[in-house]
Amino acid sequence: KYNLEHSLADVIGAIDGNGIFTNCILGLKKCSEKRPCPLHFEFKEIKLKIANEFENTKLGEFQDRLLSGHFYLSNI
């Protein structure tokens, strides 16, 4: 049985790591607070909001949304 109290961020972290929330938006390895890329500070806030949203969405809530019939997970 699945633990539906885990967050979507837990799942993403277990599969892909947390880089989606922390890595440079341009993919630059040396981008940092001290050596920022041209988009660093603009996307820092956006990535933080995305990380918070994934952290605050639990698997059970996500499942409920899918089962409601109002949302879909398909690219067909």
PDB file of N, CA and C in Angstrom:
ATOM      1  N   LYS A   1       0.848  -1.191   0.000  1.00  0.00           N
ATOM      2  CA  LYS A   1       0.000   0.000   0.000  1.00  0.00           C
ATOM      3  C   LYS A   1       0.886   1.244   0.000  1.00  0.00           C
ATOM      4  N   TYR A   2       0.453   2.258  -0.703  1.00  0.00           N
ATOM      5  CA  TYR A   2       1.210   3.509  -0.813  1.00  0.00           C
ATOM      6  C   TYR A   2       0.877   4.437   0.344  1.00  0.00           C
ATOM      7  N   ASN A   3       1.870   5.208   0.760  1.00  0.00           N
ATOM      8  CA  ASN A   3       1.658   6.224   1.779  1.00  0.00           C
ATOM      9  C   ASN A   3       1.228   7.502   1.074  1.00  0.00           C
ATOM     10  N   LEU A   4      -0.041   7.814   1.157  1.00  0.00           N
ATOM     11  CA  LEU A   4      -0.589   8.966   0.441  1.00  0.00           C
ATOM     12  C   LEU A   4      -0.306  10.286   1.145  1.00  0.00           C
ATOM     13  N   GLU A   5       0.407  10.242   2.259  1.00  0.00           N
ATOM     14  CA  GLU A   5       0.792  11.461   2.969  1.00  0.00           C
ATOM     15  C   GLU A   5       2.125  12.014   2.471  1.00  0.00           C
ATOM     16  N   HIS A   6       2.841  11.249   1.643  1.00  0.00           N
ATOM     17  CA  HIS A   6       4.071  11.778   1.053  1.00  0.00           C
ATOM     18  C   HIS A   6       3.707  12.900   0.088  1.00  0.00           C
ATOM     19  N   SER A   7       4.609  13.841  -0.047  1.00  0.00           N
ATOM     20  CA  SER A   7       4.361  14.951  -0.971  1.00  0.00           C
ATOM     21  C   SER A   7       4.854  14.602  -2.367  1.00  0.00           C
ATOM     22  N   LEU A   8       4.400  15.366  -3.341  1.00  0.00           N
ATOM     23  CA  LEU A   8       4.906  15.197  -4.700  1.00  0.00           C
ATOM     24  C   LEU A   8       6.402  15.490  -4.746  1.00  0.00           C
ATOM     25  N   ALA A   9       6.869  16.400  -3.910  1.00  0.00           N
ATOM     26  CA  ALA A   9       8.310  16.704  -3.834  1.00  0.00           C
ATOM     27  C   ALA A   9       9.089  15.484  -3.352  1.00  0.00           C
ATOM     28  N   ASP A  10       8.511  14.695  -2.437  1.00  0.00           N
ATOM     29  CA  ASP A  10       9.164  13.463  -1.977  1.00  0.00           C
ATOM     30  C   ASP A  10       9.362  12.499  -3.143  1.00  0.00           C
ATOM     31  N   VAL A  11       8.345  12.364  -3.967  1.00  0.00           N
ATOM     32  CA  VAL A  11       8.403  11.446  -5.107  1.00  0.00           C
ATOM     33  C   VAL A  11       9.435  11.933  -6.119  1.00  0.00           C
ATOM     34  N   ILE A  12       9.383  13.205  -6.455  1.00  0.00           N
ATOM     35  CA  ILE A  12      10.343  13.779  -7.409  1.00  0.00           C
ATOM     36  C   ILE A  12      11.765  13.619  -6.882  1.00  0.00           C
ATOM     37  N   GLY A  13      11.963  13.913  -5.600  1.00  0.00           N
ATOM     38  CA  GLY A  13      13.289  13.789  -4.997  1.00  0.00           C
ATOM     39  C   GLY A  13      13.806  12.359  -5.040  1.00  0.00           C
ATOM     40  N   ALA A  14      12.928  11.392  -4.800  1.00  0.00           N
ATOM     41  CA  ALA A  14      13.334   9.987  -4.803  1.00  0.00           C
ATOM     42  C   ALA A  14      13.695   9.503  -6.204  1.00  0.00           C
ATOM     43  N   ILE A  15      13.019  10.028  -7.205  1.00  0.00           N
ATOM     44  CA  ILE A  15      13.239   9.562  -8.583  1.00  0.00           C
ATOM     45  C   ILE A  15      14.340  10.359  -9.280  1.00  0.00           C
ATOM     46  N   ASP A  16      14.243  11.668  -9.241  1.00  0.00           N
ATOM     47  CA  ASP A  16      15.145  12.522 -10.012  1.00  0.00           C
ATOM     48  C   ASP A  16      16.071  13.401  -9.175  1.00  0.00           C
ATOM     49  N   GLY A  17      15.904  13.399  -7.871  1.00  0.00           N
ATOM     50  CA  GLY A  17      16.657  14.331  -7.034  1.00  0.00           C
ATOM     51  C   GLY A  17      15.956  15.675  -7.005  1.00  0.00           C
ATOM     52  N   ASN A  18      16.501  16.605  -6.262  1.00  0.00           N
ATOM     53  CA  ASN A  18      15.868  17.919  -6.091  1.00  0.00           C
ATOM     54  C   ASN A  18      16.398  18.984  -7.040  1.00  0.00           C
ATOM     55  N   GLY A  19      17.166  18.578  -8.022  1.00  0.00           N
ATOM     56  CA  GLY A  19      17.750  19.527  -8.959  1.00  0.00           C
ATOM     57  C   GLY A  19      16.734  20.392  -9.672  1.00  0.00           C
ATOM     58  N   ILE A  20      15.552  19.867  -9.916  1.00  0.00           N
ATOM     59  CA  ILE A  20      14.516  20.651 -10.588  1.00  0.00           C
ATOM     60  C   ILE A  20      14.190  21.921  -9.795  1.00  0.00           C
ATOM     61  N   PHE A  21      14.380  21.859  -8.492  1.00  0.00           N
ATOM     62  CA  PHE A  21      14.081  22.991  -7.631  1.00  0.00           C
ATOM     63  C   PHE A  21      15.295  23.858  -7.325  1.00  0.00           C
ATOM     64  N   THR A  22      16.499  23.342  -7.578  1.00  0.00           N
ATOM     65  CA  THR A  22      17.699  24.042  -7.144  1.00  0.00           C
ATOM     66  C   THR A  22      18.689  24.376  -8.258  1.00  0.00           C
ATOM     67  N   ASN A  23      18.692  23.617  -9.328  1.00  0.00           N
ATOM     68  CA  ASN A  23      19.680  23.832 -10.387  1.00  0.00           C
ATOM     69  C   ASN A  23      19.415  25.102 -11.179  1.00  0.00           C
ATOM     70  N   CYS A  24      20.430  25.577 -11.835  1.00  0.00           N
ATOM     71  CA  CYS A  24      20.341  26.757 -12.686  1.00  0.00           C
ATOM     72  C   CYS A  24      19.311  26.522 -13.790  1.00  0.00           C
ATOM     73  N   ILE A  25      18.496  27.510 -14.051  1.00  0.00           N
ATOM     74  CA  ILE A  25      17.453  27.410 -15.074  1.00  0.00           C
ATOM     75  C   ILE A  25      18.058  27.258 -16.473  1.00  0.00           C
ATOM     76  N   LEU A  26      19.290  27.735 -16.661  1.00  0.00           N
ATOM     77  CA  LEU A  26      19.973  27.597 -17.942  1.00  0.00           C
ATOM     78  C   LEU A  26      20.870  26.364 -17.997  1.00  0.00           C
ATOM     79  N   GLY A  27      20.936  25.635 -16.889  1.00  0.00           N
ATOM     80  CA  GLY A  27      21.749  24.427 -16.843  1.00  0.00           C
ATOM     81  C   GLY A  27      23.225  24.678 -16.599  1.00  0.00           C
ATOM     82  N   LEU A  28      23.567  25.865 -16.138  1.00  0.00           N
ATOM     83  CA  LEU A  28      24.968  26.206 -15.900  1.00  0.00           C
ATOM     84  C   LEU A  28      25.422  25.636 -14.556  1.00  0.00           C
ATOM     85  N   LYS A  29      26.496  24.884 -14.562  1.00  0.00           N
ATOM     86  CA  LYS A  29      26.997  24.227 -13.346  1.00  0.00           C
ATOM     87  C   LYS A  29      27.556  25.226 -12.340  1.00  0.00           C
ATOM     88  N   LYS A  30      28.123  26.332 -12.800  1.00  0.00           N
ATOM     89  CA  LYS A  30      28.780  27.277 -11.900  1.00  0.00           C
ATOM     90  C   LYS A  30      27.876  28.437 -11.472  1.00  0.00           C
ATOM     91  N   CYS A  31      26.626  28.411 -11.878  1.00  0.00           N
ATOM     92  CA  CYS A  31      25.693  29.465 -11.472  1.00  0.00           C
ATOM     93  C   CYS A  31      25.471  29.363  -9.959  1.00  0.00           C
ATOM     94  N   SER A  32      25.547  30.518  -9.278  1.00  0.00           N
ATOM     95  CA  SER A  32      25.370  30.551  -7.826  1.00  0.00           C
ATOM     96  C   SER A  32      24.955  31.958  -7.412  1.00  0.00           C
ATOM     97  N   GLU A  33      24.740  32.119  -6.125  1.00  0.00           N
ATOM     98  CA  GLU A  33      24.412  33.449  -5.604  1.00  0.00           C
ATOM     99  C   GLU A  33      25.556  34.433  -5.859  1.00  0.00           C
ATOM    100  N   LYS A  34      26.795  33.943  -5.782  1.00  0.00           N
ATOM    101  CA  LYS A  34      27.958  34.815  -5.971  1.00  0.00           C
ATOM    102  C   LYS A  34      28.301  35.006  -7.443  1.00  0.00           C
ATOM    103  N   ARG A  35      27.955  34.029  -8.265  1.00  0.00           N
ATOM    104  CA  ARG A  35      28.226  34.100  -9.710  1.00  0.00           C
ATOM    105  C   ARG A  35      26.945  33.743 -10.470  1.00  0.00           C
ATOM    106  N   PRO A  36      25.932  34.604 -10.407  1.00  0.00           N
ATOM    107  CA  PRO A  36      24.634  34.269 -10.991  1.00  0.00           C
ATOM    108  C   PRO A  36      24.606  34.389 -12.520  1.00  0.00           C
ATOM    109  N   CYS A  37      23.803  33.532 -13.137  1.00  0.00           N
ATOM    110  CA  CYS A  37      23.543  33.689 -14.570  1.00  0.00           C
ATOM    111  C   CYS A  37      22.568  34.859 -14.740  1.00  0.00           C
ATOM    112  N   PRO A  38      22.330  35.314 -15.962  1.00  0.00           N
ATOM    113  CA  PRO A  38      21.444  36.461 -16.174  1.00  0.00           C
ATOM    114  C   PRO A  38      19.995  36.254 -15.705  1.00  0.00           C
ATOM    115  N   LEU A  39      19.571  34.999 -15.523  1.00  0.00           N
ATOM    116  CA  LEU A  39      18.192  34.731 -15.102  1.00  0.00           C
ATOM    117  C   LEU A  39      18.094  34.223 -13.665  1.00  0.00           C
ATOM    118  N   HIS A  40      19.217  34.132 -12.980  1.00  0.00           N
ATOM    119  CA  HIS A  40      19.283  33.513 -11.654  1.00  0.00           C
ATOM    120  C   HIS A  40      18.244  34.072 -10.680  1.00  0.00           C
ATOM    121  N   PHE A  41      18.253  35.358 -10.477  1.00  0.00           N
ATOM    122  CA  PHE A  41      17.397  35.937  -9.449  1.00  0.00           C
ATOM    123  C   PHE A  41      15.931  35.980  -9.854  1.00  0.00           C
ATOM    124  N   GLU A  42      15.650  36.110 -11.138  1.00  0.00           N
ATOM    125  CA  GLU A  42      14.264  36.095 -11.597  1.00  0.00           C
ATOM    126  C   GLU A  42      13.639  34.723 -11.367  1.00  0.00           C
ATOM    127  N   PHE A  43      14.404  33.657 -11.613  1.00  0.00           N
ATOM    128  CA  PHE A  43      13.860  32.310 -11.492  1.00  0.00           C
ATOM    129  C   PHE A  43      14.019  31.719 -10.098  1.00  0.00           C
ATOM    130  N   LYS A  44      14.848  32.318  -9.270  1.00  0.00           N
ATOM    131  CA  LYS A  44      15.015  31.830  -7.901  1.00  0.00           C
ATOM    132  C   LYS A  44      13.669  31.833  -7.177  1.00  0.00           C
ATOM    133  N   GLU A  45      12.948  32.911  -7.263  1.00  0.00           N
ATOM    134  CA  GLU A  45      11.641  33.038  -6.609  1.00  0.00           C
ATOM    135  C   GLU A  45      10.621  32.076  -7.221  1.00  0.00           C
ATOM    136  N   ILE A  46      10.632  31.940  -8.523  1.00  0.00           N
ATOM    137  CA  ILE A  46       9.705  31.034  -9.202  1.00  0.00           C
ATOM    138  C   ILE A  46       9.968  29.594  -8.788  1.00  0.00           C
ATOM    139  N   LYS A  47      11.245  29.192  -8.763  1.00  0.00           N
ATOM    140  CA  LYS A  47      11.584  27.827  -8.365  1.00  0.00           C
ATOM    141  C   LYS A  47      11.191  27.564  -6.915  1.00  0.00           C
ATOM    142  N   LEU A  48      11.331  28.554  -6.056  1.00  0.00           N
ATOM    143  CA  LEU A  48      10.926  28.404  -4.665  1.00  0.00           C
ATOM    144  C   LEU A  48       9.414  28.186  -4.558  1.00  0.00           C
ATOM    145  N   LYS A  49       8.650  28.938  -5.320  1.00  0.00           N
ATOM    146  CA  LYS A  49       7.189  28.771  -5.315  1.00  0.00           C
ATOM    147  C   LYS A  49       6.793  27.389  -5.840  1.00  0.00           C
ATOM    148  N   ILE A  50       7.454  26.928  -6.881  1.00  0.00           N
ATOM    149  CA  ILE A  50       7.170  25.606  -7.430  1.00  0.00           C
ATOM    150  C   ILE A  50       7.517  24.530  -6.401  1.00  0.00           C
ATOM    151  N   ALA A  51       8.673  24.649  -5.763  1.00  0.00           N
ATOM    152  CA  ALA A  51       9.081  23.682  -4.746  1.00  0.00           C
ATOM    153  C   ALA A  51       8.073  23.635  -3.606  1.00  0.00           C
ATOM    154  N   ASN A  52       7.603  24.790  -3.161  1.00  0.00           N
ATOM    155  CA  ASN A  52       6.604  24.842  -2.091  1.00  0.00           C
ATOM    156  C   ASN A  52       5.299  24.188  -2.503  1.00  0.00           C
ATOM    157  N   GLU A  53       4.888  24.408  -3.730  1.00  0.00           N
ATOM    158  CA  GLU A  53       3.642  23.809  -4.223  1.00  0.00           C
ATOM    159  C   GLU A  53       3.743  22.282  -4.253  1.00  0.00           C
ATOM    160  N   PHE A  54       4.867  21.761  -4.743  1.00  0.00           N
ATOM    161  CA  PHE A  54       5.071  20.313  -4.777  1.00  0.00           C
ATOM    162  C   PHE A  54       5.195  19.749  -3.360  1.00  0.00           C
ATOM    163  N   GLU A  55       5.807  20.493  -2.458  1.00  0.00           N
ATOM    164  CA  GLU A  55       5.950  20.035  -1.077  1.00  0.00           C
ATOM    165  C   GLU A  55       4.605  20.016  -0.362  1.00  0.00           C
ATOM    166  N   ASN A  56       3.750  20.955  -0.680  1.00  0.00           N
ATOM    167  CA  ASN A  56       2.458  21.062  -0.008  1.00  0.00           C
ATOM    168  C   ASN A  56       1.360  20.204  -0.628  1.00  0.00           C
ATOM    169  N   THR A  57       1.633  19.604  -1.762  1.00  0.00           N
ATOM    170  CA  THR A  57       0.642  18.727  -2.398  1.00  0.00           C
ATOM    171  C   THR A  57       0.979  17.282  -2.053  1.00  0.00           C
ATOM    172  N   LYS A  58       0.100  16.636  -1.319  1.00  0.00           N
ATOM    173  CA  LYS A  58       0.298  15.254  -0.902  1.00  0.00           C
ATOM    174  C   LYS A  58      -0.250  14.308  -1.973  1.00  0.00           C
ATOM    175  N   LEU A  59       0.282  13.104  -1.999  1.00  0.00           N
ATOM    176  CA  LEU A  59      -0.146  12.122  -3.002  1.00  0.00           C
ATOM    177  C   LEU A  59      -1.646  11.856  -2.930  1.00  0.00           C
ATOM    178  N   GLY A  60      -2.188  11.807  -1.734  1.00  0.00           N
ATOM    179  CA  GLY A  60      -3.628  11.574  -1.590  1.00  0.00           C
ATOM    180  C   GLY A  60      -4.448  12.677  -2.233  1.00  0.00           C
ATOM    181  N   GLU A  61      -4.027  13.906  -2.041  1.00  0.00           N
ATOM    182  CA  GLU A  61      -4.722  15.053  -2.649  1.00  0.00           C
ATOM    183  C   GLU A  61      -4.598  14.997  -4.171  1.00  0.00           C
ATOM    184  N   PHE A  62      -3.406  14.655  -4.637  1.00  0.00           N
ATOM    185  CA  PHE A  62      -3.161  14.533  -6.073  1.00  0.00           C
ATOM    186  C   PHE A  62      -4.054  13.440  -6.663  1.00  0.00           C
ATOM    187  N   GLN A  63      -4.125  12.310  -5.977  1.00  0.00           N
ATOM    188  CA  GLN A  63      -4.984  11.206  -6.415  1.00  0.00           C
ATOM    189  C   GLN A  63      -6.448  11.647  -6.456  1.00  0.00           C
ATOM    190  N   ASP A  64      -6.896  12.336  -5.434  1.00  0.00           N
ATOM    191  CA  ASP A  64      -8.284  12.816  -5.388  1.00  0.00           C
ATOM    192  C   ASP A  64      -8.590  13.729  -6.573  1.00  0.00           C
ATOM    193  N   ARG A  65      -7.644  14.596  -6.924  1.00  0.00           N
ATOM    194  CA  ARG A  65      -7.845  15.490  -8.070  1.00  0.00           C
ATOM    195  C   ARG A  65      -8.007  14.686  -9.352  1.00  0.00           C
ATOM    196  N   LEU A  66      -7.149  13.685  -9.531  1.00  0.00           N
ATOM    197  CA  LEU A  66      -7.237  12.852 -10.735  1.00  0.00           C
ATOM    198  C   LEU A  66      -8.549  12.087 -10.787  1.00  0.00           C
ATOM    199  N   LEU A  67      -8.956  11.526  -9.664  1.00  0.00           N
ATOM    200  CA  LEU A  67     -10.178  10.724  -9.619  1.00  0.00           C
ATOM    201  C   LEU A  67     -11.441  11.570  -9.770  1.00  0.00           C
ATOM    202  N   SER A  68     -11.331  12.882  -9.563  1.00  0.00           N
ATOM    203  CA  SER A  68     -12.497  13.762  -9.692  1.00  0.00           C
ATOM    204  C   SER A  68     -12.992  13.855 -11.132  1.00  0.00           C
ATOM    205  N   GLY A  69     -12.115  13.529 -12.079  1.00  0.00           N
ATOM    206  CA  GLY A  69     -12.492  13.621 -13.486  1.00  0.00           C
ATOM    207  C   GLY A  69     -12.310  15.002 -14.088  1.00  0.00           C
ATOM    208  N   HIS A  70     -11.847  15.957 -13.307  1.00  0.00           N
ATOM    209  CA  HIS A  70     -11.633  17.319 -13.804  1.00  0.00           C
ATOM    210  C   HIS A  70     -10.222  17.569 -14.297  1.00  0.00           C
ATOM    211  N   PHE A  71      -9.302  16.650 -13.988  1.00  0.00           N
ATOM    212  CA  PHE A  71      -7.905  16.802 -14.354  1.00  0.00           C
ATOM    213  C   PHE A  71      -7.418  15.536 -15.029  1.00  0.00           C
ATOM    214  N   TYR A  72      -6.394  15.660 -15.839  1.00  0.00           N
ATOM    215  CA  TYR A  72      -5.920  14.525 -16.604  1.00  0.00           C
ATOM    216  C   TYR A  72      -4.399  14.468 -16.630  1.00  0.00           C
ATOM    217  N   LEU A  73      -3.877  13.253 -16.728  1.00  0.00           N
ATOM    218  CA  LEU A  73      -2.458  13.016 -16.902  1.00  0.00           C
ATOM    219  C   LEU A  73      -2.298  12.226 -18.198  1.00  0.00           C
ATOM    220  N   SER A  74      -2.236  12.922 -19.293  1.00  0.00           N
ATOM    221  CA  SER A  74      -2.096  12.250 -20.583  1.00  0.00           C
ATOM    222  C   SER A  74      -1.585  13.252 -21.597  1.00  0.00           C
ATOM    223  N   ASN A  75      -0.768  12.781 -22.509  1.00  0.00           N
ATOM    224  CA  ASN A  75      -0.315  13.650 -23.583  1.00  0.00           C
ATOM    225  C   ASN A  75      -0.909  13.193 -24.913  1.00  0.00           C
ATOM    226  N   ILE A  76      -1.964  12.416 -24.829  1.00  0.00           N
ATOM    227  CA  ILE A  76      -2.638  11.920 -26.049  1.00  0.00           C
ATOM    228  C   ILE A  76      -3.780  12.857 -26.402  1.00  0.00           C
TER     229      ILE A  76
END
